[in-house]
Protein backbone atom coordinates (compact mmCIF):
# COMPACT_ATOMS: atom_id res chain seq x y z
CA UNK A 1 -54.72 -46.34 195.34
CA UNK A 2 -58.37 -46.49 196.31
CA UNK A 3 -60.69 -46.78 193.32
CA UNK A 4 -64.10 -48.05 194.27
CA UNK A 5 -67.80 -47.61 193.83
CA UNK A 6 -69.45 -46.27 196.96
CA UNK A 7 -73.03 -45.48 197.91
CA UNK A 8 -74.03 -42.12 199.40
CA UNK A 9 -77.64 -41.26 200.20
CA UNK A 10 -78.85 -44.17 198.05
CA UNK A 11 -76.84 -43.20 194.94
CA UNK A 12 -73.66 -44.76 193.53
CA UNK A 13 -70.45 -42.80 192.96
CA UNK A 14 -66.99 -43.65 191.71
CA UNK A 15 -64.43 -42.70 194.38
CA UNK A 16 -60.74 -42.29 193.57
CA UNK A 17 -58.10 -41.54 196.21
CA UNK A 18 -54.51 -41.66 194.99
CA UNK A 19 -51.45 -40.49 196.90
CA UNK A 20 -49.45 -38.56 194.32
CA UNK A 21 -47.61 -35.95 196.35
CA UNK A 22 -45.88 -35.74 199.68
CA UNK A 23 -48.94 -34.82 201.70
CA UNK A 24 -52.49 -34.71 200.35
CA UNK A 25 -53.94 -37.30 197.96
CA UNK A 26 -55.65 -36.70 194.63
CA UNK A 27 -59.37 -37.21 195.28
CA UNK A 28 -62.26 -37.45 192.83
CA UNK A 29 -65.85 -38.38 193.65
CA UNK A 30 -67.71 -38.87 190.37
CA UNK A 31 -71.46 -39.01 190.08
CA UNK A 32 -73.78 -39.44 187.12
CA UNK A 33 -73.92 -35.71 186.29
CA UNK A 34 -70.64 -34.32 187.61
CA UNK A 35 -67.82 -34.66 190.09
CA UNK A 36 -66.10 -33.35 193.17
CA UNK A 37 -62.37 -32.80 192.87
CA UNK A 38 -59.65 -31.88 195.29
CA UNK A 39 -57.47 -28.80 195.07
CA UNK A 40 -54.93 -30.58 192.84
CA UNK A 41 -57.33 -30.14 189.91
CA UNK A 42 -58.20 -26.95 188.07
CA UNK A 43 -61.73 -25.52 188.37
CA UNK A 44 -61.12 -23.09 185.48
CA UNK A 45 -60.27 -25.96 183.13
CA UNK A 46 -63.39 -27.87 184.23
CA UNK A 47 -65.45 -24.73 183.66
CA UNK A 48 -64.04 -24.19 180.16
CA UNK A 49 -64.95 -27.79 179.29
CA UNK A 50 -68.55 -27.30 180.44
CA UNK A 51 -68.27 -29.81 183.27
CA UNK A 52 -70.43 -29.91 186.37
CA UNK A 53 -67.59 -29.78 188.88
CA UNK A 54 -67.08 -28.86 192.52
CA UNK A 55 -63.71 -28.27 194.19
CA UNK A 56 -62.92 -29.00 197.82
CA UNK A 57 -59.66 -28.48 199.69
CA UNK A 58 -57.94 -29.86 202.76
CA UNK A 59 -59.37 -33.36 202.32
CA UNK A 60 -57.68 -36.73 202.77
CA UNK A 61 -60.52 -39.24 202.45
CA UNK A 62 -64.22 -39.61 201.66
CA UNK A 63 -65.27 -38.61 205.18
CA UNK A 64 -63.36 -35.34 204.84
CA UNK A 65 -65.00 -34.72 201.46
CA UNK A 66 -68.53 -35.29 202.74
CA UNK A 67 -67.95 -33.11 205.80
CA UNK A 68 -66.52 -30.05 204.06
CA UNK A 69 -67.86 -27.19 201.97
CA UNK A 70 -67.71 -26.27 198.30
CA UNK A 71 -64.52 -24.25 197.77
CA UNK A 72 -65.38 -23.41 194.14
CA UNK A 73 -67.69 -24.67 191.42
CA UNK A 74 -68.25 -24.38 187.69
CA UNK A 75 -71.01 -22.39 186.02
CA UNK A 76 -72.84 -25.62 185.13
CA UNK A 77 -72.73 -26.66 188.79
CA UNK A 78 -74.25 -23.29 189.70
CA UNK A 79 -77.08 -23.96 187.23
CA UNK A 80 -77.90 -27.05 189.32
CA UNK A 81 -78.13 -24.92 192.46
CA UNK A 82 -74.62 -25.58 193.82
CA UNK A 83 -72.77 -22.59 195.30
CA UNK A 84 -69.49 -21.83 197.01
CA UNK A 85 -69.90 -22.47 200.74
CA UNK A 86 -72.54 -25.20 200.38
CA UNK A 87 -72.07 -28.31 202.50
CA UNK A 88 -70.97 -31.20 200.29
CA UNK A 89 -73.35 -33.63 201.96
CA UNK A 90 -76.23 -31.32 200.97
CA UNK A 91 -75.29 -31.09 197.28
CA UNK A 92 -73.70 -34.48 196.52
CA UNK A 93 -76.98 -35.87 195.16
CA UNK A 94 -76.97 -33.18 192.44
CA UNK A 95 -73.88 -34.80 190.99
């Protein structure tokens, strides 16, 4: 398991990468205001809890996460200006 603090664009994030299935790992990148989660996690549940959450898919590591697009996001993420299709590297500082 990878569980570490990393710096992106001058801000610190908690990065978790845990192999739980046969192929893709469980990935979470948590910032001060919200988080990015992989497709293993449920965007509807995050939305119902009022979280600022972004979902990505097809990722295996932090480089994949930062070089992909928002697959889905919660209503509170949208209030921060995050939308489906946004580049993660462009919105990560909002989290």
